[in-house]
């Protein structure tokens, strides 16, 4: 299953050259992949940018090269793995995140 970016059709702005600005919600998969989750956006073939999303202690970042959402959480000891580390495979982040507001662009 993929993470979902749901579009609010009443909050879509059309820009030049076929680019659209969307407002909606981000819902992560219940079994997160450390390498990132493919995203499913109905009505948008290519996502160009997603504003970073923070909720429930997690930070989500969109990688346009892979078209995946990457998830991180804070590492309190800031050891060799750095201040933010990838959410491990099979982590259920849905209880902490649920659905978060999302602002993104695509065509």
C-alpha atoms as a PDB file:
ATOM      1  CA  UNK A   1       0.000   0.000   0.000  1.00  0.00           C
ATOM      2  CA  UNK A   2       1.148   3.576  -0.588  1.00  0.00           C
ATOM      3  CA  UNK A   3       0.943   6.767   1.388  1.00  0.00           C
ATOM      4  CA  UNK A   4      -1.918   8.923   0.134  1.00  0.00           C
ATOM      5  CA  UNK A   5      -2.059  12.614  -0.738  1.00  0.00           C
ATOM      6  CA  UNK A   6      -5.772  13.383  -1.027  1.00  0.00           C
ATOM      7  CA  UNK A   7      -6.757  16.477  -2.975  1.00  0.00           C
ATOM      8  CA  UNK A   8      -9.426  18.849  -1.733  1.00  0.00           C
ATOM      9  CA  UNK A   9     -11.031  19.776  -5.110  1.00  0.00           C
ATOM     10  CA  UNK A  10     -12.363  23.057  -3.744  1.00  0.00           C
ATOM     11  CA  UNK A  11      -8.826  24.140  -2.824  1.00  0.00           C
ATOM     12  CA  UNK A  12      -7.005  23.623  -6.134  1.00  0.00           C
ATOM     13  CA  UNK A  13      -5.306  26.529  -7.915  1.00  0.00           C
ATOM     14  CA  UNK A  14      -4.398  26.307 -11.614  1.00  0.00           C
ATOM     15  CA  UNK A  15      -1.147  27.982 -12.635  1.00  0.00           C
ATOM     16  CA  UNK A  16       0.531  28.440 -16.034  1.00  0.00           C
ATOM     17  CA  UNK A  17       2.013  25.523 -17.996  1.00  0.00           C
ATOM     18  CA  UNK A  18      -0.330  22.935 -16.497  1.00  0.00           C
ATOM     19  CA  UNK A  19       1.019  23.199 -12.950  1.00  0.00           C
ATOM     20  CA  UNK A  20      -1.533  23.027 -10.160  1.00  0.00           C
ATOM     21  CA  UNK A  21      -1.278  23.895  -6.509  1.00  0.00           C
ATOM     22  CA  UNK A  22      -3.192  21.548  -4.227  1.00  0.00           C
ATOM     23  CA  UNK A  23      -4.369  21.569  -0.654  1.00  0.00           C
ATOM     24  CA  UNK A  24      -5.462  18.338   0.941  1.00  0.00           C
ATOM     25  CA  UNK A  25      -4.370  15.682   3.414  1.00  0.00           C
ATOM     26  CA  UNK A  26      -1.447  13.295   3.796  1.00  0.00           C
ATOM     27  CA  UNK A  27      -2.177   9.825   5.210  1.00  0.00           C
ATOM     28  CA  UNK A  28       0.779   7.476   5.735  1.00  0.00           C
ATOM     29  CA  UNK A  29       0.673   3.732   5.203  1.00  0.00           C
ATOM     30  CA  UNK A  30       0.187   1.633   8.353  1.00  0.00           C
ATOM     31  CA  UNK A  31       3.425  -0.265   7.628  1.00  0.00           C
ATOM     32  CA  UNK A  32       6.044   2.370   6.808  1.00  0.00           C
ATOM     33  CA  UNK A  33       9.099   1.584   4.629  1.00  0.00           C
ATOM     34  CA  UNK A  34      12.424   3.104   5.693  1.00  0.00           C
ATOM     35  CA  UNK A  35      13.345   3.693   2.031  1.00  0.00           C
ATOM     36  CA  UNK A  36      10.246   5.880   1.643  1.00  0.00           C
ATOM     37  CA  UNK A  37       6.640   5.369   0.658  1.00  0.00           C
ATOM     38  CA  UNK A  38       5.388   5.756  -2.887  1.00  0.00           C
ATOM     39  CA  UNK A  39       2.571   8.269  -2.927  1.00  0.00           C
ATOM     40  CA  UNK A  40      -0.809   7.893  -4.530  1.00  0.00           C
ATOM     41  CA  UNK A  41      -2.390  11.124  -5.753  1.00  0.00           C
ATOM     42  CA  UNK A  42      -5.606  10.678  -7.698  1.00  0.00           C
ATOM     43  CA  UNK A  43      -5.769  13.224 -10.530  1.00  0.00           C
ATOM     44  CA  UNK A  44      -2.089  14.257 -10.431  1.00  0.00           C
ATOM     45  CA  UNK A  45       0.378  12.371 -12.661  1.00  0.00           C
ATOM     46  CA  UNK A  46       3.580  13.966 -11.340  1.00  0.00           C
ATOM     47  CA  UNK A  47       4.112  15.602  -7.969  1.00  0.00           C
ATOM     48  CA  UNK A  48       6.755  18.333  -8.114  1.00  0.00           C
ATOM     49  CA  UNK A  49       6.879  19.480  -4.497  1.00  0.00           C
ATOM     50  CA  UNK A  50       5.263  18.766  -1.133  1.00  0.00           C
ATOM     51  CA  UNK A  51       5.690  21.163   1.774  1.00  0.00           C
ATOM     52  CA  UNK A  52       7.380  19.270   4.636  1.00  0.00           C
ATOM     53  CA  UNK A  53       4.814  17.767   6.997  1.00  0.00           C
ATOM     54  CA  UNK A  54       5.342  17.434  10.739  1.00  0.00           C
ATOM     55  CA  UNK A  55       2.925  15.692  13.052  1.00  0.00           C
ATOM     56  CA  UNK A  56       2.995  13.286  15.981  1.00  0.00           C
ATOM     57  CA  UNK A  57       6.765  13.619  16.433  1.00  0.00           C
ATOM     58  CA  UNK A  58       7.505  12.669  12.809  1.00  0.00           C
ATOM     59  CA  UNK A  59       8.852  14.745   9.919  1.00  0.00           C
ATOM     60  CA  UNK A  60       7.897  13.826   6.351  1.00  0.00           C
ATOM     61  CA  UNK A  61       9.835  15.050   3.318  1.00  0.00           C
ATOM     62  CA  UNK A  62       9.039  14.473  -0.368  1.00  0.00           C
ATOM     63  CA  UNK A  63      11.849  13.354  -2.697  1.00  0.00           C
ATOM     64  CA  UNK A  64      10.849  14.467  -6.220  1.00  0.00           C
ATOM     65  CA  UNK A  65      13.501  12.257  -7.879  1.00  0.00           C
ATOM     66  CA  UNK A  66      11.954   9.055  -6.506  1.00  0.00           C
ATOM     67  CA  UNK A  67       8.381  10.386  -6.056  1.00  0.00           C
ATOM     68  CA  UNK A  68       8.428   9.039  -2.471  1.00  0.00           C
ATOM     69  CA  UNK A  69       7.671  10.457   0.953  1.00  0.00           C
ATOM     70  CA  UNK A  70      10.523   9.923   3.406  1.00  0.00           C
ATOM     71  CA  UNK A  71       9.835   9.815   7.129  1.00  0.00           C
ATOM     72  CA  UNK A  72      12.087  10.762  10.044  1.00  0.00           C
ATOM     73  CA  UNK A  73      11.910  11.087  13.803  1.00  0.00           C
ATOM     74  CA  UNK A  74      14.104  12.929  16.316  1.00  0.00           C
ATOM     75  CA  UNK A  75      17.051  11.088  17.790  1.00  0.00           C
ATOM     76  CA  UNK A  76      17.507  12.397  21.315  1.00  0.00           C
ATOM     77  CA  UNK A  77      21.115  11.287  21.750  1.00  0.00           C
ATOM     78  CA  UNK A  78      22.255  12.780  18.390  1.00  0.00           C
ATOM     79  CA  UNK A  79      24.945  10.101  18.084  1.00  0.00           C
ATOM     80  CA  UNK A  80      26.577   8.986  14.848  1.00  0.00           C
ATOM     81  CA  UNK A  81      23.212   8.590  13.069  1.00  0.00           C
ATOM     82  CA  UNK A  82      22.518  12.337  13.284  1.00  0.00           C
ATOM     83  CA  UNK A  83      19.660  14.438  14.689  1.00  0.00           C
ATOM     84  CA  UNK A  84      16.951  12.849  12.498  1.00  0.00           C
ATOM     85  CA  UNK A  85      16.842   9.183  11.574  1.00  0.00           C
ATOM     86  CA  UNK A  86      14.647   7.295   9.128  1.00  0.00           C
ATOM     87  CA  UNK A  87      11.476   5.711  10.432  1.00  0.00           C
ATOM     88  CA  UNK A  88      12.271   1.950  10.539  1.00  0.00           C
ATOM     89  CA  UNK A  89      10.548  -0.559   8.260  1.00  0.00           C
ATOM     90  CA  UNK A  90       7.099  -1.803   9.339  1.00  0.00           C
ATOM     91  CA  UNK A  91       6.515   1.058  11.803  1.00  0.00           C
ATOM     92  CA  UNK A  92       2.835   1.937  12.145  1.00  0.00           C
ATOM     93  CA  UNK A  93       2.826   5.743  12.241  1.00  0.00           C
ATOM     94  CA  UNK A  94      -0.896   6.083  11.560  1.00  0.00           C
ATOM     95  CA  UNK A  95      -1.860   6.277  15.248  1.00  0.00           C
ATOM     96  CA  UNK A  96       0.500   9.221  15.825  1.00  0.00           C
ATOM     97  CA  UNK A  97      -0.073  10.966  12.497  1.00  0.00           C
ATOM     98  CA  UNK A  98      -3.566  10.060  11.277  1.00  0.00           C
ATOM     99  CA  UNK A  99      -4.192  12.487   8.424  1.00  0.00           C
ATOM    100  CA  UNK A 100      -2.139  15.673   8.268  1.00  0.00           C
ATOM    101  CA  UNK A 101      -2.838  18.830   6.247  1.00  0.00           C
ATOM    102  CA  UNK A 102      -0.804  18.898   3.014  1.00  0.00           C
ATOM    103  CA  UNK A 103       0.172  21.593   0.509  1.00  0.00           C
ATOM    104  CA  UNK A 104       1.704  20.382  -2.744  1.00  0.00           C
ATOM    105  CA  UNK A 105       2.281  21.123  -6.453  1.00  0.00           C
ATOM    106  CA  UNK A 106       2.079  18.887  -9.481  1.00  0.00           C
ATOM    107  CA  UNK A 107       0.884  18.401 -13.027  1.00  0.00           C
END
